[in-house]
Amino acid sequence: LNAKTSPFLTGGLQFTRISGQNGNRTHPTWGAHL
Protein backbone atom coordinates (compact mmCIF):
# COMPACT_ATOMS: atom_id res chain seq x y z
CA LEU A 1 0.00 0.00 0.00
CA ASN A 2 3.00 2.32 0.39
CA ALA A 3 4.08 1.84 -3.21
CA LYS A 4 3.70 4.55 -5.82
CA THR A 5 1.73 2.06 -7.92
CA SER A 6 0.52 -1.19 -6.46
CA PRO A 7 -1.89 -3.94 -7.55
CA PHE A 8 -4.45 -5.49 -5.23
CA LEU A 9 -6.72 -8.52 -5.09
CA THR A 10 -10.24 -8.19 -3.74
CA GLY A 11 -13.00 -10.65 -2.95
CA GLY A 12 -16.16 -10.79 -0.89
CA LEU A 13 -19.94 -10.99 -0.80
CA GLN A 14 -22.55 -8.90 -2.55
CA PHE A 15 -26.33 -8.69 -2.84
CA THR A 16 -27.90 -7.02 -5.89
CA ARG A 17 -31.41 -5.64 -5.63
CA ILE A 18 -33.08 -5.27 -9.03
CA SER A 19 -35.98 -2.83 -9.44
CA GLY A 20 -38.12 -2.40 -12.56
CA GLN A 21 -41.53 -1.23 -13.77
CA ASN A 22 -44.76 -1.76 -11.84
CA GLY A 23 -42.83 -2.02 -8.59
CA ASN A 24 -41.19 -5.33 -9.62
CA ARG A 25 -38.23 -6.23 -7.45
CA THR A 26 -36.00 -9.22 -7.03
CA HIS A 27 -32.69 -10.16 -5.48
CA PRO A 28 -30.31 -13.13 -5.48
CA THR A 29 -30.28 -15.93 -2.95
CA TRP A 30 -26.54 -15.31 -2.63
CA GLY A 31 -23.75 -13.55 -4.46
CA ALA A 32 -19.95 -13.27 -4.35
CA HIS A 33 -17.27 -11.48 -6.33
CA LEU A 34 -13.55 -11.68 -7.07
PDB file of all heavy atoms in Angstrom:
ATOM      1  N   LEU A   1       0.814  -1.211   0.000  1.00  0.00           N
ATOM      2  CA  LEU A   1       0.000   0.000   0.000  1.00  0.00           C
ATOM      3  C   LEU A   1       0.849   1.263   0.000  1.00  0.00           C
ATOM      4  O   LEU A   1       0.374   2.343  -0.356  1.00  0.00           O
ATOM      5  CB  LEU A   1      -0.929  -0.009   1.218  1.00  0.00           C
ATOM      6  CG  LEU A   1      -2.086   0.987   1.228  1.00  0.00           C
ATOM      7  CD1 LEU A   1      -2.991   0.763   0.031  1.00  0.00           C
ATOM      8  CD2 LEU A   1      -2.882   0.868   2.524  1.00  0.00           C
ATOM      9  N   ASN A   2       2.114   1.151   0.379  1.00  0.00           N
ATOM     10  CA  ASN A   2       3.003   2.319   0.394  1.00  0.00           C
ATOM     11  C   ASN A   2       3.675   2.564  -0.949  1.00  0.00           C
ATOM     12  O   ASN A   2       4.438   3.514  -1.092  1.00  0.00           O
ATOM     13  CB  ASN A   2       4.085   2.155   1.459  1.00  0.00           C
ATOM     14  CG  ASN A   2       3.529   2.373   2.840  1.00  0.00           C
ATOM     15  OD1 ASN A   2       2.483   2.976   2.990  1.00  0.00           O
ATOM     16  ND2 ASN A   2       4.203   1.855   3.851  1.00  0.00           N
ATOM     17  N   ALA A   3       3.423   1.693  -1.920  1.00  0.00           N
ATOM     18  CA  ALA A   3       4.083   1.837  -3.214  1.00  0.00           C
ATOM     19  C   ALA A   3       3.445   2.952  -4.025  1.00  0.00           C
ATOM     20  O   ALA A   3       2.274   3.276  -3.848  1.00  0.00           O
ATOM     21  CB  ALA A   3       4.026   0.525  -3.993  1.00  0.00           C
ATOM     22  N   LYS A   4       4.220   3.526  -4.913  1.00  0.00           N
ATOM     23  CA  LYS A   4       3.700   4.546  -5.824  1.00  0.00           C
ATOM     24  C   LYS A   4       2.563   3.975  -6.657  1.00  0.00           C
ATOM     25  O   LYS A   4       1.519   4.591  -6.847  1.00  0.00           O
ATOM     26  CB  LYS A   4       4.833   5.042  -6.717  1.00  0.00           C
ATOM     27  CG  LYS A   4       4.420   6.076  -7.757  1.00  0.00           C
ATOM     28  CD  LYS A   4       4.187   7.423  -7.124  1.00  0.00           C
ATOM     29  CE  LYS A   4       3.941   8.486  -8.188  1.00  0.00           C
ATOM     30  NZ  LYS A   4       3.694   9.812  -7.593  1.00  0.00           N
ATOM     31  N   THR A   5       2.763   2.780  -7.172  1.00  0.00           N
ATOM     32  CA  THR A   5       1.732   2.058  -7.920  1.00  0.00           C
ATOM     33  C   THR A   5       1.717   0.634  -7.428  1.00  0.00           C
ATOM     34  O   THR A   5       2.775  -0.007  -7.381  1.00  0.00           O
ATOM     35  CB  THR A   5       2.013   2.079  -9.438  1.00  0.00           C
ATOM     36  OG1 THR A   5       2.075   3.436  -9.878  1.00  0.00           O
ATOM     37  CG2 THR A   5       0.937   1.342 -10.211  1.00  0.00           C
ATOM     38  N   SER A   6       0.564   0.139  -7.031  1.00  0.00           N
ATOM     39  CA  SER A   6       0.520  -1.190  -6.462  1.00  0.00           C
ATOM     40  C   SER A   6      -0.780  -1.897  -6.804  1.00  0.00           C
ATOM     41  O   SER A   6      -1.867  -1.336  -6.668  1.00  0.00           O
ATOM     42  CB  SER A   6       0.672  -1.123  -4.936  1.00  0.00           C
ATOM     43  OG  SER A   6       0.725  -2.426  -4.399  1.00  0.00           O
ATOM     44  N   PRO A   7      -0.689  -3.154  -7.261  1.00  0.00           N
ATOM     45  CA  PRO A   7      -1.886  -3.942  -7.546  1.00  0.00           C
ATOM     46  C   PRO A   7      -2.523  -4.467  -6.262  1.00  0.00           C
ATOM     47  O   PRO A   7      -1.876  -4.546  -5.212  1.00  0.00           O
ATOM     48  CB  PRO A   7      -1.367  -5.107  -8.388  1.00  0.00           C
ATOM     49  CG  PRO A   7       0.079  -4.853  -8.615  1.00  0.00           C
ATOM     50  CD  PRO A   7       0.532  -3.838  -7.630  1.00  0.00           C
ATOM     51  N   PHE A   8      -3.784  -4.858  -6.366  1.00  0.00           N
ATOM     52  CA  PHE A   8      -4.453  -5.491  -5.233  1.00  0.00           C
ATOM     53  C   PHE A   8      -5.442  -6.536  -5.732  1.00  0.00           C
ATOM     54  O   PHE A   8      -5.906  -6.506  -6.876  1.00  0.00           O
ATOM     55  CB  PHE A   8      -5.159  -4.451  -4.348  1.00  0.00           C
ATOM     56  CG  PHE A   8      -6.231  -3.651  -5.044  1.00  0.00           C
ATOM     57  CD1 PHE A   8      -7.535  -4.124  -5.153  1.00  0.00           C
ATOM     58  CD2 PHE A   8      -5.940  -2.409  -5.585  1.00  0.00           C
ATOM     59  CE1 PHE A   8      -8.521  -3.384  -5.785  1.00  0.00           C
ATOM     60  CE2 PHE A   8      -6.916  -1.659  -6.230  1.00  0.00           C
ATOM     61  CZ  PHE A   8      -8.214  -2.148  -6.331  1.00  0.00           C
ATOM     62  N   LEU A   9      -5.740  -7.468  -4.850  1.00  0.00           N
ATOM     63  CA  LEU A   9      -6.718  -8.525  -5.090  1.00  0.00           C
ATOM     64  C   LEU A   9      -7.861  -8.320  -4.113  1.00  0.00           C
ATOM     65  O   LEU A   9      -7.634  -8.060  -2.927  1.00  0.00           O
ATOM     66  CB  LEU A   9      -6.086  -9.894  -4.874  1.00  0.00           C
ATOM     67  CG  LEU A   9      -7.022 -11.114  -4.918  1.00  0.00           C
ATOM     68  CD1 LEU A   9      -7.546 -11.324  -6.339  1.00  0.00           C
ATOM     69  CD2 LEU A   9      -6.290 -12.361  -4.435  1.00  0.00           C
ATOM     70  N   THR A  10      -9.092  -8.405  -4.605  1.00  0.00           N
ATOM     71  CA  THR A  10     -10.245  -8.188  -3.741  1.00  0.00           C
ATOM     72  C   THR A  10     -11.271  -9.294  -3.937  1.00  0.00           C
ATOM     73  O   THR A  10     -11.418  -9.840  -5.037  1.00  0.00           O
ATOM     74  CB  THR A  10     -10.893  -6.808  -4.026  1.00  0.00           C
ATOM     75  OG1 THR A  10     -11.986  -6.606  -3.142  1.00  0.00           O
ATOM     76  CG2 THR A  10     -11.372  -6.704  -5.452  1.00  0.00           C
ATOM     77  N   GLY A  11     -11.963  -9.633  -2.883  1.00  0.00           N
ATOM     78  CA  GLY A  11     -13.001 -10.648  -2.953  1.00  0.00           C
ATOM     79  C   GLY A  11     -13.942 -10.523  -1.777  1.00  0.00           C
ATOM     80  O   GLY A  11     -13.545 -10.086  -0.693  1.00  0.00           O
ATOM     81  N   GLY A  12     -15.208 -10.883  -1.990  1.00  0.00           N
ATOM     82  CA  GLY A  12     -16.164 -10.795  -0.889  1.00  0.00           C
ATOM     83  C   GLY A  12     -17.568 -11.150  -1.334  1.00  0.00           C
ATOM     84  O   GLY A  12     -17.779 -11.800  -2.357  1.00  0.00           O
ATOM     85  N   LEU A  13     -18.536 -10.704  -0.564  1.00  0.00           N
ATOM     86  CA  LEU A  13     -19.942 -10.995  -0.797  1.00  0.00           C
ATOM     87  C   LEU A  13     -20.658  -9.765  -1.316  1.00  0.00           C
ATOM     88  O   LEU A  13     -20.257  -8.629  -1.027  1.00  0.00           O
ATOM     89  CB  LEU A  13     -20.593 -11.464   0.501  1.00  0.00           C
ATOM     90  CG  LEU A  13     -19.977 -12.692   1.175  1.00  0.00           C
ATOM     91  CD1 LEU A  13     -20.696 -12.992   2.490  1.00  0.00           C
ATOM     92  CD2 LEU A  13     -20.025 -13.903   0.255  1.00  0.00           C
ATOM     93  N   GLN A  14     -21.733  -9.996  -2.073  1.00  0.00           N
ATOM     94  CA  GLN A  14     -22.555  -8.896  -2.552  1.00  0.00           C
ATOM     95  C   GLN A  14     -24.001  -9.368  -2.708  1.00  0.00           C
ATOM     96  O   GLN A  14     -24.278 -10.565  -2.711  1.00  0.00           O
ATOM     97  CB  GLN A  14     -22.030  -8.346  -3.869  1.00  0.00           C
ATOM     98  CG  GLN A  14     -22.140  -9.286  -5.060  1.00  0.00           C
ATOM     99  CD  GLN A  14     -21.636  -8.626  -6.329  1.00  0.00           C
ATOM    100  OE1 GLN A  14     -20.489  -8.197  -6.408  1.00  0.00           O
ATOM    101  NE2 GLN A  14     -22.507  -8.525  -7.332  1.00  0.00           N
ATOM    102  N   PHE A  15     -24.888  -8.391  -2.838  1.00  0.00           N
ATOM    103  CA  PHE A  15     -26.326  -8.691  -2.842  1.00  0.00           C
ATOM    104  C   PHE A  15     -27.018  -7.635  -3.692  1.00  0.00           C
ATOM    105  O   PHE A  15     -27.214  -6.504  -3.247  1.00  0.00           O
ATOM    106  CB  PHE A  15     -26.849  -8.653  -1.401  1.00  0.00           C
ATOM    107  CG  PHE A  15     -28.243  -9.169  -1.234  1.00  0.00           C
ATOM    108  CD1 PHE A  15     -28.486 -10.526  -1.058  1.00  0.00           C
ATOM    109  CD2 PHE A  15     -29.313  -8.302  -1.244  1.00  0.00           C
ATOM    110  CE1 PHE A  15     -29.776 -11.002  -0.885  1.00  0.00           C
ATOM    111  CE2 PHE A  15     -30.607  -8.759  -1.079  1.00  0.00           C
ATOM    112  CZ  PHE A  15     -30.840 -10.116  -0.897  1.00  0.00           C
ATOM    113  N   THR A  16     -27.336  -7.987  -4.955  1.00  0.00           N
ATOM    114  CA  THR A  16     -27.903  -7.022  -5.892  1.00  0.00           C
ATOM    115  C   THR A  16     -29.427  -6.990  -5.793  1.00  0.00           C
ATOM    116  O   THR A  16     -30.087  -8.034  -5.938  1.00  0.00           O
ATOM    117  CB  THR A  16     -27.495  -7.348  -7.334  1.00  0.00           C
ATOM    118  OG1 THR A  16     -26.075  -7.294  -7.434  1.00  0.00           O
ATOM    119  CG2 THR A  16     -28.106  -6.353  -8.308  1.00  0.00           C
ATOM    120  N   ARG A  17     -29.961  -5.817  -5.595  1.00  0.00           N
ATOM    121  CA  ARG A  17     -31.409  -5.639  -5.625  1.00  0.00           C
ATOM    122  C   ARG A  17     -31.786  -5.015  -6.959  1.00  0.00           C
ATOM    123  O   ARG A  17     -31.312  -3.932  -7.308  1.00  0.00           O
ATOM    124  CB  ARG A  17     -31.866  -4.741  -4.476  1.00  0.00           C
ATOM    125  CG  ARG A  17     -33.371  -4.465  -4.494  1.00  0.00           C
ATOM    126  CD  ARG A  17     -33.815  -3.753  -3.261  1.00  0.00           C
ATOM    127  NE  ARG A  17     -35.238  -3.398  -3.341  1.00  0.00           N
ATOM    128  CZ  ARG A  17     -35.947  -2.973  -2.295  1.00  0.00           C
ATOM    129  NH1 ARG A  17     -35.383  -2.877  -1.112  1.00  0.00           N
ATOM    130  NH2 ARG A  17     -37.218  -2.658  -2.449  1.00  0.00           N
ATOM    131  N   ILE A  18     -32.672  -5.715  -7.707  1.00  0.00           N
ATOM    132  CA  ILE A  18     -33.080  -5.270  -9.032  1.00  0.00           C
ATOM    133  C   ILE A  18     -34.496  -4.710  -8.950  1.00  0.00           C
ATOM    134  O   ILE A  18     -35.404  -5.367  -8.433  1.00  0.00           O
ATOM    135  CB  ILE A  18     -33.032  -6.433 -10.042  1.00  0.00           C
ATOM    136  CG1 ILE A  18     -31.638  -7.058 -10.061  1.00  0.00           C
ATOM    137  CG2 ILE A  18     -33.419  -5.944 -11.435  1.00  0.00           C
ATOM    138  CD1 ILE A  18     -31.521  -8.271 -10.950  1.00  0.00           C
ATOM    139  N   SER A  19     -34.668  -3.492  -9.458  1.00  0.00           N
ATOM    140  CA  SER A  19     -35.976  -2.831  -9.440  1.00  0.00           C
ATOM    141  C   SER A  19     -36.357  -2.456 -10.860  1.00  0.00           C
ATOM    142  O   SER A  19     -35.532  -1.955 -11.635  1.00  0.00           O
ATOM    143  CB  SER A  19     -35.938  -1.571  -8.568  1.00  0.00           C
ATOM    144  OG  SER A  19     -35.549  -1.890  -7.244  1.00  0.00           O
ATOM    145  N   GLY A  20     -37.646  -2.720 -11.228  1.00  0.00           N
ATOM    146  CA  GLY A  20     -38.122  -2.396 -12.558  1.00  0.00           C
ATOM    147  C   GLY A  20     -39.490  -1.759 -12.537  1.00  0.00           C
ATOM    148  O   GLY A  20     -39.920  -1.189 -11.521  1.00  0.00           O
ATOM    149  N   GLN A  21     -40.212  -1.854 -13.636  1.00  0.00           N
ATOM    150  CA  GLN A  21     -41.528  -1.227 -13.767  1.00  0.00           C
ATOM    151  C   GLN A  21     -42.553  -1.925 -12.866  1.00  0.00           C
ATOM    152  O   GLN A  21     -42.349  -3.058 -12.433  1.00  0.00           O
ATOM    153  CB  GLN A  21     -41.981  -1.309 -15.228  1.00  0.00           C
ATOM    154  CG  GLN A  21     -42.263  -2.744 -15.714  1.00  0.00           C
ATOM    155  CD  GLN A  21     -43.060  -2.769 -16.991  1.00  0.00           C
ATOM    156  OE1 GLN A  21     -43.512  -1.735 -17.459  1.00  0.00           O
ATOM    157  NE2 GLN A  21     -43.236  -3.948 -17.559  1.00  0.00           N
ATOM    158  N   ASN A  22     -43.642  -1.226 -12.621  1.00  0.00           N
ATOM    159  CA  ASN A  22     -44.763  -1.758 -11.839  1.00  0.00           C
ATOM    160  C   ASN A  22     -44.339  -2.226 -10.449  1.00  0.00           C
ATOM    161  O   ASN A  22     -44.965  -3.110  -9.865  1.00  0.00           O
ATOM    162  CB  ASN A  22     -45.453  -2.922 -12.576  1.00  0.00           C
ATOM    163  CG  ASN A  22     -46.026  -2.506 -13.921  1.00  0.00           C
ATOM    164  OD1 ASN A  22     -46.513  -1.382 -14.064  1.00  0.00           O
ATOM    165  ND2 ASN A  22     -45.937  -3.393 -14.911  1.00  0.00           N
ATOM    166  N   GLY A  23     -43.274  -1.650  -9.928  1.00  0.00           N
ATOM    167  CA  GLY A  23     -42.830  -2.025  -8.591  1.00  0.00           C
ATOM    168  C   GLY A  23     -42.188  -3.396  -8.515  1.00  0.00           C
ATOM    169  O   GLY A  23     -42.004  -3.939  -7.404  1.00  0.00           O
ATOM    170  N   ASN A  24     -41.822  -4.006  -9.638  1.00  0.00           N
ATOM    171  CA  ASN A  24     -41.186  -5.328  -9.623  1.00  0.00           C
ATOM    172  C   ASN A  24     -39.796  -5.242  -9.000  1.00  0.00           C
ATOM    173  O   ASN A  24     -38.997  -4.369  -9.354  1.00  0.00           O
ATOM    174  CB  ASN A  24     -41.072  -5.874 -11.056  1.00  0.00           C
ATOM    175  CG  ASN A  24     -42.416  -6.225 -11.640  1.00  0.00           C
ATOM    176  OD1 ASN A  24     -43.365  -6.505 -10.907  1.00  0.00           O
ATOM    177  ND2 ASN A  24     -42.513  -6.217 -12.972  1.00  0.00           N
ATOM    178  N   ARG A  25     -39.531  -6.174  -8.115  1.00  0.00           N
ATOM    179  CA  ARG A  25     -38.226  -6.230  -7.453  1.00  0.00           C
ATOM    180  C   ARG A  25     -37.810  -7.676  -7.272  1.00  0.00           C
ATOM    181  O   ARG A  25     -38.653  -8.556  -7.101  1.00  0.00           O
ATOM    182  CB  ARG A  25     -38.249  -5.532  -6.088  1.00  0.00           C
ATOM    183  CG  ARG A  25     -38.435  -4.032  -6.157  1.00  0.00           C
ATOM    184  CD  ARG A  25     -38.313  -3.413  -4.771  1.00  0.00           C
ATOM    185  NE  ARG A  25     -38.436  -1.968  -4.821  1.00  0.00           N
ATOM    186  CZ  ARG A  25     -39.578  -1.300  -4.813  1.00  0.00           C
ATOM    187  NH1 ARG A  25     -40.730  -1.960  -4.750  1.00  0.00           N
ATOM    188  NH2 ARG A  25     -39.588   0.024  -4.861  1.00  0.00           N
ATOM    189  N   THR A  26     -36.537  -7.890  -7.302  1.00  0.00           N
ATOM    190  CA  THR A  26     -36.000  -9.222  -7.030  1.00  0.00           C
ATOM    191  C   THR A  26     -34.579  -9.076  -6.506  1.00  0.00           C
ATOM    192  O   THR A  26     -33.974  -8.001  -6.592  1.00  0.00           O
ATOM    193  CB  THR A  26     -36.016 -10.103  -8.292  1.00  0.00           C
ATOM    194  OG1 THR A  26     -35.687 -11.445  -7.919  1.00  0.00           O
ATOM    195  CG2 THR A  26     -35.005  -9.604  -9.325  1.00  0.00           C
ATOM    196  N   HIS A  27     -34.059 -10.152  -5.984  1.00  0.00           N
ATOM    197  CA  HIS A  27     -32.690 -10.161  -5.476  1.00  0.00           C
ATOM    198  C   HIS A  27     -32.179 -11.595  -5.491  1.00  0.00           C
ATOM    199  O   HIS A  27     -32.971 -12.550  -5.534  1.00  0.00           O
ATOM    200  CB  HIS A  27     -32.628  -9.576  -4.056  1.00  0.00           C
ATOM    201  CG  HIS A  27     -33.524 -10.273  -3.077  1.00  0.00           C
ATOM    202  ND1 HIS A  27     -33.231 -11.504  -2.532  1.00  0.00           N
ATOM    203  CD2 HIS A  27     -34.738  -9.903  -2.573  1.00  0.00           C
ATOM    204  CE1 HIS A  27     -34.203 -11.858  -1.696  1.00  0.00           C
ATOM    205  NE2 HIS A  27     -35.133 -10.913  -1.714  1.00  0.00           N
ATOM    206  N   PRO A  28     -30.863 -11.776  -5.436  1.00  0.00           N
ATOM    207  CA  PRO A  28     -30.315 -13.128  -5.478  1.00  0.00           C
ATOM    208  C   PRO A  28     -30.428 -13.828  -4.132  1.00  0.00           C
ATOM    209  O   PRO A  28     -30.594 -13.191  -3.087  1.00  0.00           O
ATOM    210  CB  PRO A  28     -28.850 -12.890  -5.843  1.00  0.00           C
ATOM    211  CG  PRO A  28     -28.539 -11.557  -5.255  1.00  0.00           C
ATOM    212  CD  PRO A  28     -29.807 -10.753  -5.410  1.00  0.00           C
ATOM    213  N   THR A  29     -30.368 -15.152  -4.190  1.00  0.00           N
ATOM    214  CA  THR A  29     -30.277 -15.925  -2.948  1.00  0.00           C
ATOM    215  C   THR A  29     -28.909 -15.702  -2.304  1.00  0.00           C
ATOM    216  O   THR A  29     -28.785 -15.618  -1.086  1.00  0.00           O
ATOM    217  CB  THR A  29     -30.479 -17.419  -3.250  1.00  0.00           C
ATOM    218  OG1 THR A  29     -31.721 -17.592  -3.937  1.00  0.00           O
ATOM    219  CG2 THR A  29     -30.485 -18.230  -1.964  1.00  0.00           C
ATOM    220  N   TRP A  30     -27.882 -15.624  -3.124  1.00  0.00           N
ATOM    221  CA  TRP A  30     -26.544 -15.305  -2.626  1.00  0.00           C
ATOM    222  C   TRP A  30     -25.722 -14.729  -3.781  1.00  0.00           C
ATOM    223  O   TRP A  30     -26.067 -14.886  -4.957  1.00  0.00           O
ATOM    224  CB  TRP A  30     -25.846 -16.518  -2.033  1.00  0.00           C
ATOM    225  CG  TRP A  30     -25.649 -17.659  -3.005  1.00  0.00           C
ATOM    226  CD1 TRP A  30     -26.485 -18.717  -3.219  1.00  0.00           C
ATOM    227  CD2 TRP A  30     -24.548 -17.843  -3.918  1.00  0.00           C
ATOM    228  NE1 TRP A  30     -25.989 -19.538  -4.204  1.00  0.00           N
ATOM    229  CE2 TRP A  30     -24.803 -19.035  -4.642  1.00  0.00           C
ATOM    230  CE3 TRP A  30     -23.396 -17.107  -4.184  1.00  0.00           C
ATOM    231  CZ2 TRP A  30     -23.932 -19.506  -5.620  1.00  0.00           C
ATOM    232  CZ3 TRP A  30     -22.524 -17.574  -5.161  1.00  0.00           C
ATOM    233  CH2 TRP A  30     -22.803 -18.763  -5.860  1.00  0.00           C
ATOM    234  N   GLY A  31     -24.638 -14.095  -3.442  1.00  0.00           N
ATOM    235  CA  GLY A  31     -23.750 -13.546  -4.459  1.00  0.00           C
ATOM    236  C   GLY A  31     -22.349 -13.335  -3.902  1.00  0.00           C
ATOM    237  O   GLY A  31     -22.177 -13.079  -2.701  1.00  0.00           O
ATOM    238  N   ALA A  32     -21.349 -13.479  -4.736  1.00  0.00           N
ATOM    239  CA  ALA A  32     -19.952 -13.274  -4.346  1.00  0.00           C
ATOM    240  C   ALA A  32     -19.192 -12.700  -5.540  1.00  0.00           C
ATOM    241  O   ALA A  32     -19.625 -12.819  -6.693  1.00  0.00           O
ATOM    242  CB  ALA A  32     -19.319 -14.582  -3.886  1.00  0.00           C
ATOM    243  N   HIS A  33     -18.067 -12.062  -5.255  1.00  0.00           N
ATOM    244  CA  HIS A  33     -17.269 -11.485  -6.326  1.00  0.00           C
ATOM    245  C   HIS A  33     -15.787 -11.670  -6.065  1.00  0.00           C
ATOM    246  O   HIS A  33     -15.358 -11.844  -4.919  1.00  0.00           O
ATOM    247  CB  HIS A  33     -17.579  -9.995  -6.512  1.00  0.00           C
ATOM    248  CG  HIS A  33     -17.137  -9.149  -5.364  1.00  0.00           C
ATOM    249  ND1 HIS A  33     -17.953  -8.797  -4.322  1.00  0.00           N
ATOM    250  CD2 HIS A  33     -15.931  -8.567  -5.106  1.00  0.00           C
ATOM    251  CE1 HIS A  33     -17.295  -8.050  -3.464  1.00  0.00           C
ATOM    252  NE2 HIS A  33     -16.057  -7.889  -3.916  1.00  0.00           N
ATOM    253  N   LEU A  34     -15.002 -11.610  -7.136  1.00  0.00           N
ATOM    254  CA  LEU A  34     -13.549 -11.681  -7.075  1.00  0.00           C
ATOM    255  C   LEU A  34     -12.996 -10.755  -8.145  1.00  0.00           C
ATOM    256  O   LEU A  34     -13.509 -10.718  -9.263  1.00  0.00           O
ATOM    257  CB  LEU A  34     -13.064 -13.111  -7.317  1.00  0.00           C
ATOM    258  CG  LEU A  34     -11.551 -13.355  -7.207  1.00  0.00           C
ATOM    259  CD1 LEU A  34     -11.095 -13.136  -5.763  1.00  0.00           C
ATOM    260  CD2 LEU A  34     -11.215 -14.772  -7.662  1.00  0.00           C
TER     261      LEU A  34
END
